[in-house]
Amino acid sequence: MSAGHAVDSTGRPPGAEKIDDCLRPGRFSQTVDCLAGQDLHVTATYQPNSRYWPFQLIEAALYTAMTAALSGLCFFWIRRRTT
């Protein structure tokens, strides 16, 4: 998920007072009913499934490059200190 936030029936973020009126410690079911009564809900934005493997390959390439760079740096640093 790349984004998620509360919105009202018009698609705009609700005022803090709307949310604060519904939040009562230890009363989850009443909180849910209150939020539903005010037509507040959470929107979510997801990356499409078709991007899963490209993201995995990009991430793997970045970690591989960082590993190679740090390994090379360590190799040369240790070699320099022992000679």
PDB file of N, CA and C in Angstrom:
ATOM      1  N   MET A   1       0.846  -1.162   0.000  1.00  0.00           N
ATOM      2  CA  MET A   1       0.000   0.000   0.000  1.00  0.00           C
ATOM      3  C   MET A   1       0.895   1.230   0.000  1.00  0.00           C
ATOM      4  N   SER A   2       0.585   2.181  -0.848  1.00  0.00           N
ATOM      5  CA  SER A   2       1.420   3.368  -0.915  1.00  0.00           C
ATOM      6  C   SER A   2       0.785   4.574  -0.252  1.00  0.00           C
ATOM      7  N   ALA A   3      -0.521   4.570  -0.019  1.00  0.00           N
ATOM      8  CA  ALA A   3      -1.164   5.705   0.645  1.00  0.00           C
ATOM      9  C   ALA A   3      -2.492   5.267   1.234  1.00  0.00           C
ATOM     10  N   GLY A   4      -2.857   5.862   2.327  1.00  0.00           N
ATOM     11  CA  GLY A   4      -4.151   5.602   2.936  1.00  0.00           C
ATOM     12  C   GLY A   4      -4.490   6.724   3.892  1.00  0.00           C
ATOM     13  N   HIS A   5      -5.721   7.190   3.852  1.00  0.00           N
ATOM     14  CA  HIS A   5      -6.138   8.251   4.756  1.00  0.00           C
ATOM     15  C   HIS A   5      -7.657   8.249   4.897  1.00  0.00           C
ATOM     16  N   ALA A   6      -8.130   8.847   5.974  1.00  0.00           N
ATOM     17  CA  ALA A   6      -9.570   8.913   6.235  1.00  0.00           C
ATOM     18  C   ALA A   6     -10.198  10.020   5.396  1.00  0.00           C
ATOM     19  N   VAL A   7     -11.389   9.737   4.877  1.00  0.00           N
ATOM     20  CA  VAL A   7     -12.144  10.727   4.105  1.00  0.00           C
ATOM     21  C   VAL A   7     -13.615  10.643   4.493  1.00  0.00           C
ATOM     22  N   ASP A   8     -14.348  11.721   4.201  1.00  0.00           N
ATOM     23  CA  ASP A   8     -15.789  11.707   4.443  1.00  0.00           C
ATOM     24  C   ASP A   8     -16.521  11.376   3.150  1.00  0.00           C
ATOM     25  N   SER A   9     -17.838  11.532   3.144  1.00  0.00           N
ATOM     26  CA  SER A   9     -18.628  11.140   1.972  1.00  0.00           C
ATOM     27  C   SER A   9     -18.327  11.983   0.740  1.00  0.00           C
ATOM     28  N   THR A  10     -17.742  13.171   0.922  1.00  0.00           N
ATOM     29  CA  THR A  10     -17.393  14.021  -0.225  1.00  0.00           C
ATOM     30  C   THR A  10     -15.986  13.748  -0.735  1.00  0.00           C
ATOM     31  N   GLY A  11     -15.241  12.870  -0.053  1.00  0.00           N
ATOM     32  CA  GLY A  11     -13.879  12.544  -0.466  1.00  0.00           C
ATOM     33  C   GLY A  11     -12.832  13.451   0.143  1.00  0.00           C
ATOM     34  N   ARG A  12     -13.239  14.322   1.045  1.00  0.00           N
ATOM     35  CA  ARG A  12     -12.296  15.234   1.699  1.00  0.00           C
ATOM     36  C   ARG A  12     -11.935  14.714   3.088  1.00  0.00           C
ATOM     37  N   PRO A  13     -10.733  15.058   3.566  1.00  0.00           N
ATOM     38  CA  PRO A  13     -10.366  14.648   4.925  1.00  0.00           C
ATOM     39  C   PRO A  13     -11.316  15.278   5.943  1.00  0.00           C
ATOM     40  N   PRO A  14     -11.761  14.513   6.927  1.00  0.00           N
ATOM     41  CA  PRO A  14     -12.677  15.062   7.930  1.00  0.00           C
ATOM     42  C   PRO A  14     -11.934  15.954   8.914  1.00  0.00           C
ATOM     43  N   GLY A  15     -12.662  16.823   9.566  1.00  0.00           N
ATOM     44  CA  GLY A  15     -12.067  17.645  10.609  1.00  0.00           C
ATOM     45  C   GLY A  15     -11.704  16.798  11.818  1.00  0.00           C
ATOM     46  N   ALA A  16     -10.756  17.273  12.585  1.00  0.00           N
ATOM     47  CA  ALA A  16     -10.300  16.528  13.763  1.00  0.00           C
ATOM     48  C   ALA A  16     -11.433  16.316  14.756  1.00  0.00           C
ATOM     49  N   GLU A  17     -12.363  17.274  14.840  1.00  0.00           N
ATOM     50  CA  GLU A  17     -13.457  17.138  15.802  1.00  0.00           C
ATOM     51  C   GLU A  17     -14.368  15.968  15.460  1.00  0.00           C
ATOM     52  N   LYS A  18     -14.544  15.664  14.167  1.00  0.00           N
ATOM     53  CA  LYS A  18     -15.376  14.516  13.772  1.00  0.00           C
ATOM     54  C   LYS A  18     -14.769  13.210  14.262  1.00  0.00           C
ATOM     55  N   ILE A  19     -13.476  13.087  14.103  1.00  0.00           N
ATOM     56  CA  ILE A  19     -12.796  11.857  14.515  1.00  0.00           C
ATOM     57  C   ILE A  19     -12.715  11.789  16.036  1.00  0.00           C
ATOM     58  N   ASP A  20     -12.375  12.902  16.683  1.00  0.00           N
ATOM     59  CA  ASP A  20     -12.258  12.910  18.144  1.00  0.00           C
ATOM     60  C   ASP A  20     -13.572  12.558  18.825  1.00  0.00           C
ATOM     61  N   ASP A  21     -14.704  12.966  18.224  1.00  0.00           N
ATOM     62  CA  ASP A  21     -16.009  12.641  18.807  1.00  0.00           C
ATOM     63  C   ASP A  21     -16.253  11.134  18.846  1.00  0.00           C
ATOM     64  N   CYS A  22     -15.677  10.410  17.903  1.00  0.00           N
ATOM     65  CA  CYS A  22     -15.907   8.960  17.811  1.00  0.00           C
ATOM     66  C   CYS A  22     -14.916   8.132  18.623  1.00  0.00           C
ATOM     67  N   LEU A  23     -13.774   8.683  18.954  1.00  0.00           N
ATOM     68  CA  LEU A  23     -12.732   7.905  19.625  1.00  0.00           C
ATOM     69  C   LEU A  23     -12.955   7.874  21.132  1.00  0.00           C
ATOM     70  N   ARG A  24     -13.274   6.700  21.619  1.00  0.00           N
ATOM     71  CA  ARG A  24     -13.457   6.489  23.045  1.00  0.00           C
ATOM     72  C   ARG A  24     -12.647   5.250  23.426  1.00  0.00           C
ATOM     73  N   PRO A  25     -11.735   5.364  24.377  1.00  0.00           N
ATOM     74  CA  PRO A  25     -10.923   4.210  24.760  1.00  0.00           C
ATOM     75  C   PRO A  25     -11.779   3.038  25.225  1.00  0.00           C
ATOM     76  N   GLY A  26     -11.439   1.846  24.755  1.00  0.00           N
ATOM     77  CA  GLY A  26     -12.108   0.628  25.189  1.00  0.00           C
ATOM     78  C   GLY A  26     -13.478   0.385  24.582  1.00  0.00           C
ATOM     79  N   ARG A  27     -13.870   1.146  23.597  1.00  0.00           N
ATOM     80  CA  ARG A  27     -15.196   0.976  22.989  1.00  0.00           C
ATOM     81  C   ARG A  27     -15.070   0.891  21.472  1.00  0.00           C
ATOM     82  N   PHE A  28     -14.395  -0.140  21.017  1.00  0.00           N
ATOM     83  CA  PHE A  28     -14.121  -0.276  19.584  1.00  0.00           C
ATOM     84  C   PHE A  28     -15.393  -0.365  18.752  1.00  0.00           C
ATOM     85  N   SER A  29     -16.348  -1.180  19.160  1.00  0.00           N
ATOM     86  CA  SER A  29     -17.564  -1.356  18.347  1.00  0.00           C
ATOM     87  C   SER A  29     -18.348  -0.054  18.244  1.00  0.00           C
ATOM     88  N   GLN A  30     -18.391   0.722  19.320  1.00  0.00           N
ATOM     89  CA  GLN A  30     -19.078   2.013  19.255  1.00  0.00           C
ATOM     90  C   GLN A  30     -18.320   2.997  18.375  1.00  0.00           C
ATOM     91  N   THR A  31     -16.992   2.913  18.389  1.00  0.00           N
ATOM     92  CA  THR A  31     -16.185   3.780  17.530  1.00  0.00           C
ATOM     93  C   THR A  31     -16.465   3.477  16.068  1.00  0.00           C
ATOM     94  N   VAL A  32     -16.511   2.205  15.723  1.00  0.00           N
ATOM     95  CA  VAL A  32     -16.786   1.813  14.337  1.00  0.00           C
ATOM     96  C   VAL A  32     -18.172   2.288  13.920  1.00  0.00           C
ATOM     97  N   ASP A  33     -19.163   2.109  14.788  1.00  0.00           N
ATOM     98  CA  ASP A  33     -20.523   2.562  14.475  1.00  0.00           C
ATOM     99  C   ASP A  33     -20.585   4.075  14.305  1.00  0.00           C
ATOM    100  N   CYS A  34     -19.863   4.800  15.155  1.00  0.00           N
ATOM    101  CA  CYS A  34     -19.843   6.266  15.068  1.00  0.00           C
ATOM    102  C   CYS A  34     -19.203   6.719  13.757  1.00  0.00           C
ATOM    103  N   LEU A  35     -18.073   6.111  13.403  1.00  0.00           N
ATOM    104  CA  LEU A  35     -17.406   6.470  12.142  1.00  0.00           C
ATOM    105  C   LEU A  35     -18.295   6.148  10.951  1.00  0.00           C
ATOM    106  N   ALA A  36     -18.964   5.001  10.994  1.00  0.00           N
ATOM    107  CA  ALA A  36     -19.870   4.624   9.906  1.00  0.00           C
ATOM    108  C   ALA A  36     -21.057   5.575   9.839  1.00  0.00           C
ATOM    109  N   GLY A  37     -21.564   6.001  10.993  1.00  0.00           N
ATOM    110  CA  GLY A  37     -22.685   6.925  11.028  1.00  0.00           C
ATOM    111  C   GLY A  37     -22.354   8.278  10.424  1.00  0.00           C
ATOM    112  N   GLN A  38     -21.088   8.665  10.511  1.00  0.00           N
ATOM    113  CA  GLN A  38     -20.651   9.933   9.921  1.00  0.00           C
ATOM    114  C   GLN A  38     -20.128   9.731   8.503  1.00  0.00           C
ATOM    115  N   ASP A  39     -20.258   8.516   7.989  1.00  0.00           N
ATOM    116  CA  ASP A  39     -19.799   8.145   6.650  1.00  0.00           C
ATOM    117  C   ASP A  39     -18.310   8.428   6.458  1.00  0.00           C
ATOM    118  N   LEU A  40     -17.528   8.112   7.490  1.00  0.00           N
ATOM    119  CA  LEU A  40     -16.075   8.233   7.404  1.00  0.00           C
ATOM    120  C   LEU A  40     -15.507   6.867   7.050  1.00  0.00           C
ATOM    121  N   HIS A  41     -14.568   6.842   6.137  1.00  0.00           N
ATOM    122  CA  HIS A  41     -13.919   5.591   5.768  1.00  0.00           C
ATOM    123  C   HIS A  41     -12.491   5.880   5.341  1.00  0.00           C
ATOM    124  N   VAL A  42     -11.720   4.834   5.166  1.00  0.00           N
ATOM    125  CA  VAL A  42     -10.309   4.965   4.802  1.00  0.00           C
ATOM    126  C   VAL A  42     -10.138   4.563   3.352  1.00  0.00           C
ATOM    127  N   THR A  43      -9.475   5.410   2.596  1.00  0.00           N
ATOM    128  CA  THR A  43      -9.144   5.062   1.217  1.00  0.00           C
ATOM    129  C   THR A  43      -7.736   4.485   1.194  1.00  0.00           C
ATOM    130  N   ALA A  44      -7.460   3.652   0.239  1.00  0.00           N
ATOM    131  CA  ALA A  44      -6.138   3.047   0.113  1.00  0.00           C
ATOM    132  C   ALA A  44      -5.733   3.032  -1.350  1.00  0.00           C
ATOM    133  N   THR A  45      -4.456   3.308  -1.587  1.00  0.00           N
ATOM    134  CA  THR A  45      -3.903   3.266  -2.935  1.00  0.00           C
ATOM    135  C   THR A  45      -2.838   2.174  -2.960  1.00  0.00           C
ATOM    136  N   TYR A  46      -2.974   1.267  -3.894  1.00  0.00           N
ATOM    137  CA  TYR A  46      -2.047   0.144  -4.007  1.00  0.00           C
ATOM    138  C   TYR A  46      -1.330   0.191  -5.346  1.00  0.00           C
ATOM    139  N   GLN A  47      -0.147  -0.418  -5.376  1.00  0.00           N
ATOM    140  CA  GLN A  47       0.545  -0.620  -6.643  1.00  0.00           C
ATOM    141  C   GLN A  47      -0.118  -1.813  -7.330  1.00  0.00           C
ATOM    142  N   PRO A  48      -0.252  -1.779  -8.645  1.00  0.00           N
ATOM    143  CA  PRO A  48      -0.861  -2.921  -9.331  1.00  0.00           C
ATOM    144  C   PRO A  48       0.034  -4.164  -9.247  1.00  0.00           C
ATOM    145  N   ASN A  49      -0.599  -5.331  -9.339  1.00  0.00           N
ATOM    146  CA  ASN A  49       0.138  -6.599  -9.263  1.00  0.00           C
ATOM    147  C   ASN A  49       1.207  -6.714 -10.336  1.00  0.00           C
ATOM    148  N   SER A  50       0.993  -6.082 -11.465  1.00  0.00           N
ATOM    149  CA  SER A  50       1.958  -6.187 -12.563  1.00  0.00           C
ATOM    150  C   SER A  50       3.296  -5.535 -12.221  1.00  0.00           C
ATOM    151  N   ARG A  51       3.360  -4.739 -11.174  1.00  0.00           N
ATOM    152  CA  ARG A  51       4.610  -4.079 -10.795  1.00  0.00           C
ATOM    153  C   ARG A  51       5.398  -4.861  -9.742  1.00  0.00           C
ATOM    154  N   TYR A  52       4.846  -5.965  -9.256  1.00  0.00           N
ATOM    155  CA  TYR A  52       5.493  -6.711  -8.178  1.00  0.00           C
ATOM    156  C   TYR A  52       6.900  -7.166  -8.566  1.00  0.00           C
ATOM    157  N   TRP A  53       7.031  -7.911  -9.666  1.00  0.00           N
ATOM    158  CA  TRP A  53       8.338  -8.443 -10.048  1.00  0.00           C
ATOM    159  C   TRP A  53       9.317  -7.361 -10.476  1.00  0.00           C
ATOM    160  N   PRO A  54       8.904  -6.340 -11.206  1.00  0.00           N
ATOM    161  CA  PRO A  54       9.871  -5.264 -11.476  1.00  0.00           C
ATOM    162  C   PRO A  54      10.404  -4.622 -10.190  1.00  0.00           C
ATOM    163  N   PHE A  55       9.533  -4.398  -9.206  1.00  0.00           N
ATOM    164  CA  PHE A  55      10.001  -3.837  -7.939  1.00  0.00           C
ATOM    165  C   PHE A  55      10.960  -4.795  -7.240  1.00  0.00           C
ATOM    166  N   GLN A  56      10.665  -6.085  -7.270  1.00  0.00           N
ATOM    167  CA  GLN A  56      11.538  -7.068  -6.644  1.00  0.00           C
ATOM    168  C   GLN A  56      12.913  -7.083  -7.307  1.00  0.00           C
ATOM    169  N   LEU A  57      12.935  -7.018  -8.628  1.00  0.00           N
ATOM    170  CA  LEU A  57      14.213  -7.028  -9.351  1.00  0.00           C
ATOM    171  C   LEU A  57      15.016  -5.762  -9.081  1.00  0.00           C
ATOM    172  N   ILE A  58      14.355  -4.623  -9.039  1.00  0.00           N
ATOM    173  CA  ILE A  58      15.050  -3.369  -8.740  1.00  0.00           C
ATOM    174  C   ILE A  58      15.645  -3.417  -7.337  1.00  0.00           C
ATOM    175  N   GLU A  59      14.860  -3.883  -6.381  1.00  0.00           N
ATOM    176  CA  GLU A  59      15.341  -3.973  -5.006  1.00  0.00           C
ATOM    177  C   GLU A  59      16.509  -4.954  -4.897  1.00  0.00           C
ATOM    178  N   ALA A  60      16.402  -6.095  -5.546  1.00  0.00           N
ATOM    179  CA  ALA A  60      17.487  -7.078  -5.517  1.00  0.00           C
ATOM    180  C   ALA A  60      18.750  -6.512  -6.149  1.00  0.00           C
ATOM    181  N   ALA A  61      18.608  -5.775  -7.245  1.00  0.00           N
ATOM    182  CA  ALA A  61      19.767  -5.166  -7.903  1.00  0.00           C
ATOM    183  C   ALA A  61      20.433  -4.139  -6.991  1.00  0.00           C
ATOM    184  N   LEU A  62      19.634  -3.333  -6.304  1.00  0.00           N
ATOM    185  CA  LEU A  62      20.204  -2.337  -5.389  1.00  0.00           C
ATOM    186  C   LEU A  62      20.961  -3.001  -4.245  1.00  0.00           C
ATOM    187  N   TYR A  63      20.365  -4.024  -3.639  1.00  0.00           N
ATOM    188  CA  TYR A  63      21.044  -4.716  -2.541  1.00  0.00           C
ATOM    189  C   TYR A  63      22.300  -5.435  -3.023  1.00  0.00           C
ATOM    190  N   THR A  64      22.252  -6.012  -4.208  1.00  0.00           N
ATOM    191  CA  THR A  64      23.431  -6.677  -4.760  1.00  0.00           C
ATOM    192  C   THR A  64      24.545  -5.674  -5.016  1.00  0.00           C
ATOM    193  N   ALA A  65      24.202  -4.521  -5.576  1.00  0.00           N
ATOM    194  CA  ALA A  65      25.202  -3.484  -5.843  1.00  0.00           C
ATOM    195  C   ALA A  65      25.805  -2.959  -4.540  1.00  0.00           C
ATOM    196  N   MET A  66      24.968  -2.728  -3.533  1.00  0.00           N
ATOM    197  CA  MET A  66      25.488  -2.253  -2.244  1.00  0.00           C
ATOM    198  C   MET A  66      26.379  -3.303  -1.590  1.00  0.00           C
ATOM    199  N   THR A  67      25.993  -4.569  -1.699  1.00  0.00           N
ATOM    200  CA  THR A  67      26.801  -5.647  -1.134  1.00  0.00           C
ATOM    201  C   THR A  67      28.151  -5.727  -1.825  1.00  0.00           C
ATOM    202  N   ALA A  68      28.153  -5.632  -3.144  1.00  0.00           N
ATOM    203  CA  ALA A  68      29.407  -5.678  -3.897  1.00  0.00           C
ATOM    204  C   ALA A  68      30.297  -4.489  -3.542  1.00  0.00           C
ATOM    205  N   ALA A  69      29.717  -3.307  -3.448  1.00  0.00           N
ATOM    206  CA  ALA A  69      30.500  -2.114  -3.123  1.00  0.00           C
ATOM    207  C   ALA A  69      31.098  -2.212  -1.723  1.00  0.00           C
ATOM    208  N   LEU A  70      30.309  -2.620  -0.748  1.00  0.00           N
ATOM    209  CA  LEU A  70      30.828  -2.747   0.614  1.00  0.00           C
ATOM    210  C   LEU A  70      31.842  -3.879   0.738  1.00  0.00           C
ATOM    211  N   SER A  71      31.629  -4.967   0.027  1.00  0.00           N
ATOM    212  CA  SER A  71      32.599  -6.068   0.046  1.00  0.00           C
ATOM    213  C   SER A  71      33.924  -5.613  -0.548  1.00  0.00           C
ATOM    214  N   GLY A  72      33.859  -4.901  -1.659  1.00  0.00           N
ATOM    215  CA  GLY A  72      35.080  -4.379  -2.274  1.00  0.00           C
ATOM    216  C   GLY A  72      35.796  -3.405  -1.362  1.00  0.00           C
ATOM    217  N   LEU A  73      35.043  -2.517  -0.731  1.00  0.00           N
ATOM    218  CA  LEU A  73      35.633  -1.556   0.194  1.00  0.00           C
ATOM    219  C   LEU A  73      36.310  -2.277   1.350  1.00  0.00           C
ATOM    220  N   CYS A  74      35.653  -3.266   1.928  1.00  0.00           N
ATOM    221  CA  CYS A  74      36.243  -4.036   3.031  1.00  0.00           C
ATOM    222  C   CYS A  74      37.489  -4.787   2.579  1.00  0.00           C
ATOM    223  N   PHE A  75      37.441  -5.384   1.406  1.00  0.00           N
ATOM    224  CA  PHE A  75      38.590  -6.120   0.882  1.00  0.00           C
ATOM    225  C   PHE A  75      39.804  -5.203   0.761  1.00  0.00           C
ATOM    226  N   PHE A  76      39.626  -4.051   0.131  1.00  0.00           N
ATOM    227  CA  PHE A  76      40.752  -3.138  -0.058  1.00  0.00           C
ATOM    228  C   PHE A  76      41.210  -2.522   1.256  1.00  0.00           C
ATOM    229  N   TRP A  77      40.309  -2.260   2.185  1.00  0.00           N
ATOM    230  CA  TRP A  77      40.677  -1.682   3.467  1.00  0.00           C
ATOM    231  C   TRP A  77      41.490  -2.683   4.289  1.00  0.00           C
ATOM    232  N   ILE A  78      41.053  -3.941   4.314  1.00  0.00           N
ATOM    233  CA  ILE A  78      41.781  -4.972   5.062  1.00  0.00           C
ATOM    234  C   ILE A  78      43.124  -5.249   4.403  1.00  0.00           C
ATOM    235  N   ARG A  79      43.142  -5.330   3.102  1.00  0.00           N
ATOM    236  CA  ARG A  79      44.395  -5.600   2.382  1.00  0.00           C
ATOM    237  C   ARG A  79      45.397  -4.475   2.615  1.00  0.00           C
ATOM    238  N   ARG A  80      44.929  -3.240   2.625  1.00  0.00           N
ATOM    239  CA  ARG A  80      45.815  -2.087   2.816  1.00  0.00           C
ATOM    240  C   ARG A  80      46.390  -2.091   4.229  1.00  0.00           C
ATOM    241  N   ARG A  81      45.598  -2.485   5.218  1.00  0.00           N
ATOM    242  CA  ARG A  81      46.061  -2.469   6.604  1.00  0.00           C
ATOM    243  C   ARG A  81      47.015  -3.625   6.912  1.00  0.00           C
ATOM    244  N   THR A  82      46.956  -4.704   6.145  1.00  0.00           N
ATOM    245  CA  THR A  82      47.826  -5.854   6.428  1.00  0.00           C
ATOM    246  C   THR A  82      49.134  -5.795   5.655  1.00  0.00           C
ATOM    247  N   THR A  83      49.246  -4.870   4.717  1.00  0.00           N
ATOM    248  CA  THR A  83      50.508  -4.794   3.954  1.00  0.00           C
ATOM    249  C   THR A  83      51.299  -3.578   4.318  1.00  0.00           C
TER     250      THR A  83
END
